[in-house]
Amino acid sequence: MVLPRRLKLLSDEELSLLSVDRLLEYRKKALSLENTLLASDYVEVAKDLDPEFIWFKDDPRWQELYNRILAALNTKQPDSL
Protein backbone atom coordinates (compact mmCIF):
# COMPACT_ATOMS: atom_id res chain seq x y z
CA MET A 1 0.00 0.00 0.00
CA VAL A 2 1.29 3.44 -0.94
CA LEU A 3 1.35 5.82 2.01
CA PRO A 4 -0.77 8.98 1.85
CA ARG A 5 0.82 12.33 1.22
CA ARG A 6 2.49 13.91 4.18
CA LEU A 7 3.60 17.38 5.10
CA LYS A 8 6.71 18.26 7.06
CA LEU A 9 6.09 20.83 9.77
CA LEU A 10 8.12 23.96 9.12
CA SER A 11 8.82 26.63 11.71
CA ASP A 12 8.01 30.31 11.15
CA GLU A 13 11.72 30.89 10.58
CA GLU A 14 11.88 28.15 7.95
CA LEU A 15 8.76 29.55 6.26
CA SER A 16 10.27 33.05 6.17
CA LEU A 17 13.28 31.71 4.27
CA LEU A 18 11.18 30.24 1.46
CA SER A 19 10.59 32.16 -1.75
CA VAL A 20 7.06 33.01 -2.81
CA ASP A 21 7.13 30.16 -5.33
CA ARG A 22 8.25 27.66 -2.67
CA LEU A 23 5.61 28.93 -0.23
CA LEU A 24 2.95 28.49 -2.89
CA GLU A 25 4.15 24.93 -3.54
CA TYR A 26 4.14 24.18 0.19
CA ARG A 27 0.60 25.60 0.43
CA LYS A 28 -0.44 23.44 -2.52
CA LYS A 29 0.99 20.36 -0.81
CA ALA A 30 -0.86 21.24 2.41
CA LEU A 31 -4.10 21.51 0.46
CA SER A 32 -3.45 18.18 -1.28
CA LEU A 33 -3.59 16.17 1.95
CA GLU A 34 -6.63 13.99 2.45
CA ASN A 35 -9.31 15.52 4.65
CA THR A 36 -9.59 12.84 7.34
CA LEU A 37 -8.01 9.57 8.32
CA LEU A 38 -11.40 7.95 8.77
CA ALA A 39 -12.43 8.79 5.21
CA SER A 40 -9.18 7.43 3.78
CA ASP A 41 -7.92 3.97 2.96
CA TYR A 42 -5.23 4.23 5.63
CA VAL A 43 -7.15 3.51 8.83
CA GLU A 44 -5.39 0.14 9.20
CA VAL A 45 -1.91 1.69 9.03
CA ALA A 46 -2.60 4.82 11.07
CA LYS A 47 -0.48 3.63 13.98
CA ASP A 48 2.51 3.30 11.63
CA LEU A 49 2.38 6.88 10.30
CA ASP A 50 5.23 9.07 11.53
CA PRO A 51 3.79 11.64 13.97
CA GLU A 52 6.49 14.14 12.97
CA PHE A 53 4.48 14.76 9.79
CA ILE A 54 0.97 15.96 9.10
CA TRP A 55 -0.89 13.32 7.11
CA PHE A 56 -4.49 14.60 7.11
CA LYS A 57 -6.24 17.96 7.28
CA ASP A 58 -8.12 16.92 10.41
CA ASP A 59 -4.82 16.95 12.31
CA PRO A 60 -5.10 19.96 14.67
CA ARG A 61 -1.65 21.11 13.54
CA TRP A 62 -2.80 21.43 9.91
CA GLN A 63 -4.96 24.54 10.35
CA GLU A 64 -2.32 26.31 12.43
CA LEU A 65 0.38 25.52 9.87
CA TYR A 66 -1.86 26.57 6.98
CA ASN A 67 -2.53 29.91 8.69
CA ARG A 68 1.21 30.40 9.18
CA ILE A 69 1.84 29.62 5.49
CA LEU A 70 -0.69 32.29 4.52
CA ALA A 71 0.88 34.76 6.95
CA ALA A 72 4.32 34.10 5.46
CA LEU A 73 2.92 34.66 1.98
CA ASN A 74 1.32 37.91 3.11
CA THR A 75 4.67 39.21 4.36
CA LYS A 76 6.20 38.50 0.97
CA GLN A 77 3.21 39.83 -1.01
CA PRO A 78 1.70 42.52 1.26
CA ASP A 79 -0.28 44.34 -1.44
CA SER A 80 -1.25 41.46 -3.69
CA LEU A 81 -4.99 42.19 -3.50
PDB file of N, CA and C in Angstrom:
ATOM      1  N   MET A   1       0.840  -1.180   0.000  1.00  0.00           N
ATOM      2  CA  MET A   1       0.000   0.000   0.000  1.00  0.00           C
ATOM      3  C   MET A   1       0.888   1.247   0.000  1.00  0.00           C
ATOM      4  N   VAL A   2       0.580   2.168  -0.874  1.00  0.00           N
ATOM      5  CA  VAL A   2       1.293   3.436  -0.940  1.00  0.00           C
ATOM      6  C   VAL A   2       0.799   4.330   0.192  1.00  0.00           C
ATOM      7  N   LEU A   3       1.733   4.941   0.911  1.00  0.00           N
ATOM      8  CA  LEU A   3       1.349   5.824   2.010  1.00  0.00           C
ATOM      9  C   LEU A   3       0.705   7.104   1.480  1.00  0.00           C
ATOM     10  N   PRO A   4      -0.163   7.717   2.271  1.00  0.00           N
ATOM     11  CA  PRO A   4      -0.771   8.981   1.846  1.00  0.00           C
ATOM     12  C   PRO A   4       0.277  10.086   1.817  1.00  0.00           C
ATOM     13  N   ARG A   5      -0.091  11.191   1.228  1.00  0.00           N
ATOM     14  CA  ARG A   5       0.816  12.334   1.219  1.00  0.00           C
ATOM     15  C   ARG A   5       1.033  12.812   2.633  1.00  0.00           C
ATOM     16  N   ARG A   6       2.179  13.391   2.852  1.00  0.00           N
ATOM     17  CA  ARG A   6       2.493  13.909   4.180  1.00  0.00           C
ATOM     18  C   ARG A   6       3.119  15.287   4.029  1.00  0.00           C
ATOM     19  N   LEU A   7       3.081  16.031   5.113  1.00  0.00           N
ATOM     20  CA  LEU A   7       3.597  17.384   5.100  1.00  0.00           C
ATOM     21  C   LEU A   7       4.528  17.569   6.282  1.00  0.00           C
ATOM     22  N   LYS A   8       5.737  17.978   5.996  1.00  0.00           N
ATOM     23  CA  LYS A   8       6.708  18.259   7.056  1.00  0.00           C
ATOM     24  C   LYS A   8       6.322  19.576   7.717  1.00  0.00           C
ATOM     25  N   LEU A   9       6.366  19.597   9.032  1.00  0.00           N
ATOM     26  CA  LEU A   9       6.091  20.830   9.769  1.00  0.00           C
ATOM     27  C   LEU A   9       7.289  21.763   9.658  1.00  0.00           C
ATOM     28  N   LEU A  10       7.059  22.971   9.192  1.00  0.00           N
ATOM     29  CA  LEU A  10       8.116  23.961   9.123  1.00  0.00           C
ATOM     30  C   LEU A  10       7.856  25.040  10.164  1.00  0.00           C
ATOM     31  N   SER A  11       8.928  25.549  10.735  1.00  0.00           N
ATOM     32  CA  SER A  11       8.815  26.634  11.712  1.00  0.00           C
ATOM     33  C   SER A  11       8.550  27.953  10.984  1.00  0.00           C
ATOM     34  N   ASP A  12       8.192  28.981  11.738  1.00  0.00           N
ATOM     35  CA  ASP A  12       8.013  30.308  11.149  1.00  0.00           C
ATOM     36  C   ASP A  12       9.309  30.786  10.502  1.00  0.00           C
ATOM     37  N   GLU A  13      10.426  30.492  11.142  1.00  0.00           N
ATOM     38  CA  GLU A  13      11.724  30.893  10.584  1.00  0.00           C
ATOM     39  C   GLU A  13      11.971  30.192   9.250  1.00  0.00           C
ATOM     40  N   GLU A  14      11.695  28.890   9.203  1.00  0.00           N
ATOM     41  CA  GLU A  14      11.875  28.153   7.950  1.00  0.00           C
ATOM     42  C   GLU A  14      10.938  28.680   6.860  1.00  0.00           C
ATOM     43  N   LEU A  15       9.711  28.998   7.230  1.00  0.00           N
ATOM     44  CA  LEU A  15       8.762  29.548   6.259  1.00  0.00           C
ATOM     45  C   LEU A  15       9.244  30.888   5.724  1.00  0.00           C
ATOM     46  N   SER A  16       9.820  31.713   6.593  1.00  0.00           N
ATOM     47  CA  SER A  16      10.273  33.051   6.170  1.00  0.00           C
ATOM     48  C   SER A  16      11.427  32.972   5.172  1.00  0.00           C
ATOM     49  N   LEU A  17      12.161  31.871   5.177  1.00  0.00           N
ATOM     50  CA  LEU A  17      13.282  31.709   4.267  1.00  0.00           C
ATOM     51  C   LEU A  17      12.873  31.223   2.877  1.00  0.00           C
ATOM     52  N   LEU A  18      11.646  30.753   2.749  1.00  0.00           N
ATOM     53  CA  LEU A  18      11.181  30.243   1.461  1.00  0.00           C
ATOM     54  C   LEU A  18      10.792  31.384   0.530  1.00  0.00           C
ATOM     55  N   SER A  19      11.033  31.190  -0.751  1.00  0.00           N
ATOM     56  CA  SER A  19      10.586  32.159  -1.753  1.00  0.00           C
ATOM     57  C   SER A  19       9.074  32.064  -1.898  1.00  0.00           C
ATOM     58  N   VAL A  20       8.495  33.031  -2.577  1.00  0.00           N
ATOM     59  CA  VAL A  20       7.056  33.010  -2.811  1.00  0.00           C
ATOM     60  C   VAL A  20       6.660  31.735  -3.556  1.00  0.00           C
ATOM     61  N   ASP A  21       7.441  31.378  -4.567  1.00  0.00           N
ATOM     62  CA  ASP A  21       7.127  30.162  -5.331  1.00  0.00           C
ATOM     63  C   ASP A  21       7.156  28.919  -4.449  1.00  0.00           C
ATOM     64  N   ARG A  22       8.156  28.826  -3.577  1.00  0.00           N
ATOM     65  CA  ARG A  22       8.249  27.662  -2.675  1.00  0.00           C
ATOM     66  C   ARG A  22       7.109  27.662  -1.664  1.00  0.00           C
ATOM     67  N   LEU A  23       6.747  28.835  -1.156  1.00  0.00           N
ATOM     68  CA  LEU A  23       5.613  28.927  -0.233  1.00  0.00           C
ATOM     69  C   LEU A  23       4.318  28.486  -0.914  1.00  0.00           C
ATOM     70  N   LEU A  24       4.153  28.892  -2.155  1.00  0.00           N
ATOM     71  CA  LEU A  24       2.951  28.491  -2.894  1.00  0.00           C
ATOM     72  C   LEU A  24       2.922  26.985  -3.116  1.00  0.00           C
ATOM     73  N   GLU A  25       4.076  26.386  -3.387  1.00  0.00           N
ATOM     74  CA  GLU A  25       4.151  24.926  -3.540  1.00  0.00           C
ATOM     75  C   GLU A  25       3.859  24.219  -2.218  1.00  0.00           C
ATOM     76  N   TYR A  26       4.378  24.763  -1.137  1.00  0.00           N
ATOM     77  CA  TYR A  26       4.143  24.182   0.193  1.00  0.00           C
ATOM     78  C   TYR A  26       2.656  24.280   0.539  1.00  0.00           C
ATOM     79  N   ARG A  27       2.045  25.423   0.223  1.00  0.00           N
ATOM     80  CA  ARG A  27       0.599  25.595   0.432  1.00  0.00           C
ATOM     81  C   ARG A  27      -0.185  24.579  -0.393  1.00  0.00           C
ATOM     82  N   LYS A  28       0.218  24.404  -1.632  1.00  0.00           N
ATOM     83  CA  LYS A  28      -0.444  23.437  -2.517  1.00  0.00           C
ATOM     84  C   LYS A  28      -0.346  22.027  -1.937  1.00  0.00           C
ATOM     85  N   LYS A  29       0.814  21.690  -1.412  1.00  0.00           N
ATOM     86  CA  LYS A  29       0.989  20.364  -0.811  1.00  0.00           C
ATOM     87  C   LYS A  29       0.104  20.221   0.423  1.00  0.00           C
ATOM     88  N   ALA A  30       0.011  21.271   1.229  1.00  0.00           N
ATOM     89  CA  ALA A  30      -0.863  21.240   2.409  1.00  0.00           C
ATOM     90  C   ALA A  30      -2.311  20.999   1.996  1.00  0.00           C
ATOM     91  N   LEU A  31      -2.720  21.667   0.937  1.00  0.00           N
ATOM     92  CA  LEU A  31      -4.098  21.508   0.462  1.00  0.00           C
ATOM     93  C   LEU A  31      -4.344  20.141  -0.171  1.00  0.00           C
ATOM     94  N   SER A  32      -3.293  19.477  -0.608  1.00  0.00           N
ATOM     95  CA  SER A  32      -3.448  18.179  -1.285  1.00  0.00           C
ATOM     96  C   SER A  32      -3.620  17.007  -0.312  1.00  0.00           C
ATOM     97  N   LEU A  33      -3.412  17.253   0.980  1.00  0.00           N
ATOM     98  CA  LEU A  33      -3.594  16.169   1.950  1.00  0.00           C
ATOM     99  C   LEU A  33      -5.054  15.733   1.979  1.00  0.00           C
ATOM    100  N   GLU A  34      -5.267  14.479   2.309  1.00  0.00           N
ATOM    101  CA  GLU A  34      -6.634  13.995   2.447  1.00  0.00           C
ATOM    102  C   GLU A  34      -7.287  14.679   3.644  1.00  0.00           C
ATOM    103  N   ASN A  35      -8.611  14.793   3.594  1.00  0.00           N
ATOM    104  CA  ASN A  35      -9.314  15.517   4.650  1.00  0.00           C
ATOM    105  C   ASN A  35      -9.248  14.823   6.004  1.00  0.00           C
ATOM    106  N   THR A  36      -9.560  13.542   6.051  1.00  0.00           N
ATOM    107  CA  THR A  36      -9.593  12.840   7.338  1.00  0.00           C
ATOM    108  C   THR A  36      -9.032  11.436   7.199  1.00  0.00           C
ATOM    109  N   LEU A  37      -8.479  10.955   8.286  1.00  0.00           N
ATOM    110  CA  LEU A  37      -8.006   9.574   8.323  1.00  0.00           C
ATOM    111  C   LEU A  37      -9.171   8.611   8.145  1.00  0.00           C
ATOM    112  N   LEU A  38     -10.268   8.873   8.819  1.00  0.00           N
ATOM    113  CA  LEU A  38     -11.404   7.950   8.773  1.00  0.00           C
ATOM    114  C   LEU A  38     -12.016   7.815   7.389  1.00  0.00           C
ATOM    115  N   ALA A  39     -11.881   8.850   6.565  1.00  0.00           N
ATOM    116  CA  ALA A  39     -12.431   8.791   5.209  1.00  0.00           C
ATOM    117  C   ALA A  39     -11.407   8.269   4.199  1.00  0.00           C
ATOM    118  N   SER A  40     -10.238   7.889   4.688  1.00  0.00           N
ATOM    119  CA  SER A  40      -9.180   7.426   3.784  1.00  0.00           C
ATOM    120  C   SER A  40      -9.093   5.902   3.790  1.00  0.00           C
ATOM    121  N   ASP A  41      -8.176   5.402   3.010  1.00  0.00           N
ATOM    122  CA  ASP A  41      -7.915   3.967   2.956  1.00  0.00           C
ATOM    123  C   ASP A  41      -6.796   3.554   3.915  1.00  0.00           C
ATOM    124  N   TYR A  42      -6.412   4.445   4.811  1.00  0.00           N
ATOM    125  CA  TYR A  42      -5.228   4.229   5.629  1.00  0.00           C
ATOM    126  C   TYR A  42      -5.528   3.998   7.102  1.00  0.00           C
ATOM    127  N   VAL A  43      -6.768   3.720   7.435  1.00  0.00           N
ATOM    128  CA  VAL A  43      -7.147   3.513   8.830  1.00  0.00           C
ATOM    129  C   VAL A  43      -6.332   2.380   9.439  1.00  0.00           C
ATOM    130  N   GLU A  44      -6.109   1.310   8.684  1.00  0.00           N
ATOM    131  CA  GLU A  44      -5.392   0.144   9.202  1.00  0.00           C
ATOM    132  C   GLU A  44      -3.926   0.443   9.507  1.00  0.00           C
ATOM    133  N   VAL A  45      -3.336   1.410   8.829  1.00  0.00           N
ATOM    134  CA  VAL A  45      -1.914   1.691   9.027  1.00  0.00           C
ATOM    135  C   VAL A  45      -1.675   2.979   9.814  1.00  0.00           C
ATOM    136  N   ALA A  46      -2.713   3.532  10.378  1.00  0.00           N
ATOM    137  CA  ALA A  46      -2.598   4.824  11.071  1.00  0.00           C
ATOM    138  C   ALA A  46      -1.545   4.797  12.166  1.00  0.00           C
ATOM    139  N   LYS A  47      -1.447   3.706  12.878  1.00  0.00           N
ATOM    140  CA  LYS A  47      -0.479   3.633  13.978  1.00  0.00           C
ATOM    141  C   LYS A  47       0.958   3.636  13.478  1.00  0.00           C
ATOM    142  N   ASP A  48       1.168   3.347  12.202  1.00  0.00           N
ATOM    143  CA  ASP A  48       2.507   3.301  11.632  1.00  0.00           C
ATOM    144  C   ASP A  48       2.937   4.624  10.992  1.00  0.00           C
ATOM    145  N   LEU A  49       2.042   5.596  10.928  1.00  0.00           N
ATOM    146  CA  LEU A  49       2.377   6.876  10.301  1.00  0.00           C
ATOM    147  C   LEU A  49       3.233   7.719  11.249  1.00  0.00           C
ATOM    148  N   ASP A  50       4.289   8.273  10.734  1.00  0.00           N
ATOM    149  CA  ASP A  50       5.234   9.070  11.525  1.00  0.00           C
ATOM    150  C   ASP A  50       4.540  10.326  12.065  1.00  0.00           C
ATOM    151  N   PRO A  51       4.477  10.486  13.386  1.00  0.00           N
ATOM    152  CA  PRO A  51       3.788  11.641  13.965  1.00  0.00           C
ATOM    153  C   PRO A  51       4.534  12.961  13.781  1.00  0.00           C
ATOM    154  N   GLU A  52       5.739  12.908  13.248  1.00  0.00           N
ATOM    155  CA  GLU A  52       6.488  14.139  12.971  1.00  0.00           C
ATOM    156  C   GLU A  52       5.922  14.868  11.756  1.00  0.00           C
ATOM    157  N   PHE A  53       5.076  14.188  10.987  1.00  0.00           N
ATOM    158  CA  PHE A  53       4.483  14.764   9.788  1.00  0.00           C
ATOM    159  C   PHE A  53       2.987  14.940   9.982  1.00  0.00           C
ATOM    160  N   ILE A  54       2.418  15.827   9.173  1.00  0.00           N
ATOM    161  CA  ILE A  54       0.966  15.960   9.104  1.00  0.00           C
ATOM    162  C   ILE A  54       0.520  15.116   7.912  1.00  0.00           C
ATOM    163  N   TRP A  55      -0.424  14.236   8.147  1.00  0.00           N
ATOM    164  CA  TRP A  55      -0.890  13.321   7.110  1.00  0.00           C
ATOM    165  C   TRP A  55      -2.288  13.670   6.597  1.00  0.00           C
ATOM    166  N   PHE A  56      -3.102  14.304   7.455  1.00  0.00           N
ATOM    167  CA  PHE A  56      -4.492  14.599   7.107  1.00  0.00           C
ATOM    168  C   PHE A  56      -4.870  15.989   7.596  1.00  0.00           C
ATOM    169  N   LYS A  57      -5.813  16.613   6.908  1.00  0.00           N
ATOM    170  CA  LYS A  57      -6.238  17.956   7.278  1.00  0.00           C
ATOM    171  C   LYS A  57      -6.968  18.006   8.613  1.00  0.00           C
ATOM    172  N   ASP A  58      -7.445  16.882   9.105  1.00  0.00           N
ATOM    173  CA  ASP A  58      -8.122  16.922  10.407  1.00  0.00           C
ATOM    174  C   ASP A  58      -7.136  16.873  11.578  1.00  0.00           C
ATOM    175  N   ASP A  59      -5.849  16.825  11.278  1.00  0.00           N
ATOM    176  CA  ASP A  59      -4.818  16.947  12.310  1.00  0.00           C
ATOM    177  C   ASP A  59      -4.888  18.391  12.830  1.00  0.00           C
ATOM    178  N   PRO A  60      -4.981  18.592  14.135  1.00  0.00           N
ATOM    179  CA  PRO A  60      -5.102  19.958  14.667  1.00  0.00           C
ATOM    180  C   PRO A  60      -3.940  20.870  14.266  1.00  0.00           C
ATOM    181  N   ARG A  61      -2.798  20.309  13.950  1.00  0.00           N
ATOM    182  CA  ARG A  61      -1.647  21.112  13.537  1.00  0.00           C
ATOM    183  C   ARG A  61      -1.801  21.661  12.127  1.00  0.00           C
ATOM    184  N   TRP A  62      -2.669  21.018  11.310  1.00  0.00           N
ATOM    185  CA  TRP A  62      -2.800  21.426   9.907  1.00  0.00           C
ATOM    186  C   TRP A  62      -3.305  22.859   9.794  1.00  0.00           C
ATOM    187  N   GLN A  63      -4.379  23.205  10.464  1.00  0.00           N
ATOM    188  CA  GLN A  63      -4.960  24.542  10.346  1.00  0.00           C
ATOM    189  C   GLN A  63      -3.987  25.613  10.825  1.00  0.00           C
ATOM    190  N   GLU A  64      -3.299  25.343  11.928  1.00  0.00           N
ATOM    191  CA  GLU A  64      -2.318  26.306  12.433  1.00  0.00           C
ATOM    192  C   GLU A  64      -1.201  26.516  11.415  1.00  0.00           C
ATOM    193  N   LEU A  65      -0.686  25.423  10.863  1.00  0.00           N
ATOM    194  CA  LEU A  65       0.379  25.524   9.874  1.00  0.00           C
ATOM    195  C   LEU A  65      -0.114  26.240   8.624  1.00  0.00           C
ATOM    196  N   TYR A  66      -1.314  25.925   8.182  1.00  0.00           N
ATOM    197  CA  TYR A  66      -1.859  26.571   6.985  1.00  0.00           C
ATOM    198  C   TYR A  66      -1.975  28.081   7.200  1.00  0.00           C
ATOM    199  N   ASN A  67      -2.427  28.482   8.370  1.00  0.00           N
ATOM    200  CA  ASN A  67      -2.526  29.914   8.688  1.00  0.00           C
ATOM    201  C   ASN A  67      -1.150  30.573   8.684  1.00  0.00           C
ATOM    202  N   ARG A  68      -0.154  29.858   9.172  1.00  0.00           N
ATOM    203  CA  ARG A  68       1.207  30.399   9.179  1.00  0.00           C
ATOM    204  C   ARG A  68       1.788  30.491   7.766  1.00  0.00           C
ATOM    205  N   ILE A  69       1.414  29.553   6.896  1.00  0.00           N
ATOM    206  CA  ILE A  69       1.836  29.621   5.492  1.00  0.00           C
ATOM    207  C   ILE A  69       1.248  30.877   4.853  1.00  0.00           C
ATOM    208  N   LEU A  70      -0.046  31.101   5.082  1.00  0.00           N
ATOM    209  CA  LEU A  70      -0.694  32.290   4.522  1.00  0.00           C
ATOM    210  C   LEU A  70      -0.075  33.571   5.069  1.00  0.00           C
ATOM    211  N   ALA A  71       0.246  33.586   6.350  1.00  0.00           N
ATOM    212  CA  ALA A  71       0.878  34.764   6.950  1.00  0.00           C
ATOM    213  C   ALA A  71       2.245  35.020   6.321  1.00  0.00           C
ATOM    214  N   ALA A  72       3.006  33.952   6.101  1.00  0.00           N
ATOM    215  CA  ALA A  72       4.318  34.104   5.460  1.00  0.00           C
ATOM    216  C   ALA A  72       4.168  34.635   4.041  1.00  0.00           C
ATOM    217  N   LEU A  73       3.172  34.146   3.328  1.00  0.00           N
ATOM    218  CA  LEU A  73       2.918  34.658   1.976  1.00  0.00           C
ATOM    219  C   LEU A  73       2.541  36.131   2.018  1.00  0.00           C
ATOM    220  N   ASN A  74       1.738  36.517   2.996  1.00  0.00           N
ATOM    221  CA  ASN A  74       1.322  37.912   3.110  1.00  0.00           C
ATOM    222  C   ASN A  74       2.489  38.831   3.388  1.00  0.00           C
ATOM    223  N   THR A  75       3.503  38.359   4.104  1.00  0.00           N
ATOM    224  CA  THR A  75       4.667  39.209   4.364  1.00  0.00           C
ATOM    225  C   THR A  75       5.508  39.390   3.103  1.00  0.00           C
ATOM    226  N   LYS A  76       5.425  38.417   2.203  1.00  0.00           N
ATOM    227  CA  LYS A  76       6.202  38.495   0.968  1.00  0.00           C
ATOM    228  C   LYS A  76       5.413  39.199  -0.139  1.00  0.00           C
ATOM    229  N   GLN A  77       4.073  39.185  -0.019  1.00  0.00           N
ATOM    230  CA  GLN A  77       3.210  39.834  -1.009  1.00  0.00           C
ATOM    231  C   GLN A  77       2.189  40.696  -0.277  1.00  0.00           C
ATOM    232  N   PRO A  78       2.612  41.759   0.402  1.00  0.00           N
ATOM    233  CA  PRO A  78       1.699  42.520   1.259  1.00  0.00           C
ATOM    234  C   PRO A  78       0.556  43.212   0.516  1.00  0.00           C
ATOM    235  N   ASP A  79       0.768  43.619  -0.713  1.00  0.00           N
ATOM    236  CA  ASP A  79      -0.279  44.340  -1.441  1.00  0.00           C
ATOM    237  C   ASP A  79      -0.739  43.578  -2.662  1.00  0.00           C
ATOM    238  N   SER A  80      -0.906  42.276  -2.522  1.00  0.00           N
ATOM    239  CA  SER A  80      -1.245  41.456  -3.686  1.00  0.00           C
ATOM    240  C   SER A  80      -2.720  41.505  -4.037  1.00  0.00           C
ATOM    241  N   LEU A  81      -3.554  42.134  -3.191  1.00  0.00           N
ATOM    242  CA  LEU A  81      -4.995  42.193  -3.498  1.00  0.00           C
ATOM    243  C   LEU A  81      -5.277  43.274  -4.438  1.00  0.00           C
TER     244      LEU A  81
END
